[in-house]
């Protein structure tokens, strides 16, 4: 980010930051999550990223958009084909939200 001036992990919350990381780098190692002190605040037992709506208390599983760092910086095939533009340089793209996930219901 310091070198390019581009924000690599757009986010609105810590959970959305973690979801963005998963979308770019793949899932976190389950052994790492098992050892993490605060993993349960952001990850289900199956490794999905979730967050709780502060107003309603509803739990939401975040579905990260699959991409690469190259695409985020405009160096992917799509960006090269358009002369280096595009490739994820637009505004922040929010993770989709899916409600009523059985694993979250068991956790609540």
Protein backbone atom coordinates (compact mmCIF):
# COMPACT_ATOMS: atom_id res chain seq x y z
CA UNK A 1 0.00 0.00 0.00
CA UNK A 2 2.84 2.42 0.74
CA UNK A 3 4.55 1.63 -2.57
CA UNK A 4 1.50 1.77 -4.86
CA UNK A 5 -0.80 4.12 -2.98
CA UNK A 6 -3.60 1.59 -3.56
CA UNK A 7 -5.62 0.17 -0.68
CA UNK A 8 -5.29 -3.60 -1.00
CA UNK A 9 -7.82 -4.69 1.60
CA UNK A 10 -10.83 -2.38 1.46
CA UNK A 11 -13.02 -2.94 4.50
CA UNK A 12 -15.74 -1.55 6.73
CA UNK A 13 -14.95 -3.70 9.77
CA UNK A 14 -12.37 -6.15 11.05
CA UNK A 15 -14.57 -9.03 9.87
CA UNK A 16 -14.77 -7.57 6.34
CA UNK A 17 -10.97 -7.13 6.36
CA UNK A 18 -10.55 -10.80 7.26
CA UNK A 19 -13.05 -11.79 4.54
CA UNK A 20 -11.12 -9.72 2.00
CA UNK A 21 -7.89 -11.50 3.05
CA UNK A 22 -9.60 -14.87 2.56
CA UNK A 23 -10.82 -13.79 -0.89
CA UNK A 24 -7.30 -12.85 -1.99
CA UNK A 25 -5.07 -15.34 -0.16
CA UNK A 26 -7.43 -18.25 0.48
CA UNK A 27 -8.74 -19.66 3.76
CA UNK A 28 -6.79 -19.39 6.99
CA UNK A 29 -5.09 -22.56 8.22
CA UNK A 30 -7.50 -24.27 10.66
CA UNK A 31 -4.60 -24.87 13.07
CA UNK A 32 -3.94 -21.13 13.15
CA UNK A 33 -7.60 -20.39 13.85
CA UNK A 34 -7.68 -23.04 16.59
CA UNK A 35 -4.75 -21.33 18.35
CA UNK A 36 -6.06 -17.77 17.91
CA UNK A 37 -7.30 -16.09 21.08
CA UNK A 38 -10.04 -14.14 19.27
CA UNK A 39 -10.73 -16.45 16.32
CA UNK A 40 -14.19 -17.36 17.63
CA UNK A 41 -15.21 -13.69 17.43
CA UNK A 42 -14.76 -13.70 13.64
CA UNK A 43 -14.66 -17.31 12.39
CA UNK A 44 -17.10 -20.23 12.60
CA UNK A 45 -15.79 -23.69 13.46
CA UNK A 46 -15.75 -24.37 9.73
CA UNK A 47 -13.51 -21.34 9.03
CA UNK A 48 -16.17 -19.00 7.60
CA UNK A 49 -15.90 -15.31 8.48
CA UNK A 50 -18.93 -13.83 10.24
CA UNK A 51 -19.96 -10.66 12.03
CA UNK A 52 -22.80 -9.66 14.31
CA UNK A 53 -25.00 -6.70 13.38
CA UNK A 54 -24.64 -4.27 16.29
CA UNK A 55 -28.20 -2.97 15.95
CA UNK A 56 -30.11 -6.24 15.62
CA UNK A 57 -27.67 -8.83 16.98
CA UNK A 58 -28.16 -10.88 13.80
CA UNK A 59 -25.19 -12.97 12.70
CA UNK A 60 -24.07 -12.71 9.05
CA UNK A 61 -21.62 -14.94 7.19
CA UNK A 62 -19.43 -12.87 4.86
CA UNK A 63 -18.84 -14.31 1.39
CA UNK A 64 -15.54 -12.90 0.13
CA UNK A 65 -15.10 -12.13 -3.55
CA UNK A 66 -12.36 -14.37 -4.99
CA UNK A 67 -9.58 -12.29 -6.55
CA UNK A 68 -5.79 -11.89 -6.58
CA UNK A 69 -3.38 -9.17 -5.56
CA UNK A 70 -2.39 -8.79 -9.22
CA UNK A 71 -6.01 -8.19 -10.18
CA UNK A 72 -6.50 -5.75 -7.29
CA UNK A 73 -3.53 -3.74 -8.56
CA UNK A 74 -4.51 -3.94 -12.23
CA UNK A 75 -1.79 -6.41 -13.28
CA UNK A 76 -4.10 -9.33 -14.08
CA UNK A 77 -4.89 -10.51 -17.59
CA UNK A 78 -8.01 -8.35 -17.64
CA UNK A 79 -6.03 -5.26 -16.65
CA UNK A 80 -3.28 -5.97 -19.19
CA UNK A 81 -5.85 -6.44 -21.97
CA UNK A 82 -7.27 -3.00 -21.21
CA UNK A 83 -3.91 -1.29 -21.07
CA UNK A 84 -3.37 -1.66 -17.33
CA UNK A 85 -6.63 -0.18 -16.12
CA UNK A 86 -9.39 -1.88 -14.19
CA UNK A 87 -8.48 -5.08 -12.41
CA UNK A 88 -10.08 -4.08 -9.15
CA UNK A 89 -8.98 -0.50 -8.77
CA UNK A 90 -12.51 0.80 -8.40
CA UNK A 91 -14.21 1.68 -5.15
CA UNK A 92 -14.55 -0.75 -2.29
CA UNK A 93 -16.51 -3.89 -3.05
CA UNK A 94 -18.40 -5.14 -0.04
CA UNK A 95 -18.59 -8.80 0.81
CA UNK A 96 -21.98 -10.36 0.22
CA UNK A 97 -24.01 -11.38 3.26
CA UNK A 98 -25.84 -14.65 3.75
CA UNK A 99 -28.29 -15.10 6.65
CA UNK A 100 -29.56 -18.14 8.53
CA UNK A 101 -26.42 -20.27 8.33
CA UNK A 102 -26.92 -23.44 10.42
CA UNK A 103 -23.45 -23.28 11.95
CA UNK A 104 -24.06 -19.75 13.20
CA UNK A 105 -27.43 -20.68 14.63
CA UNK A 106 -25.75 -23.41 16.66
CA UNK A 107 -23.16 -20.89 17.86
CA UNK A 108 -25.70 -18.25 19.03
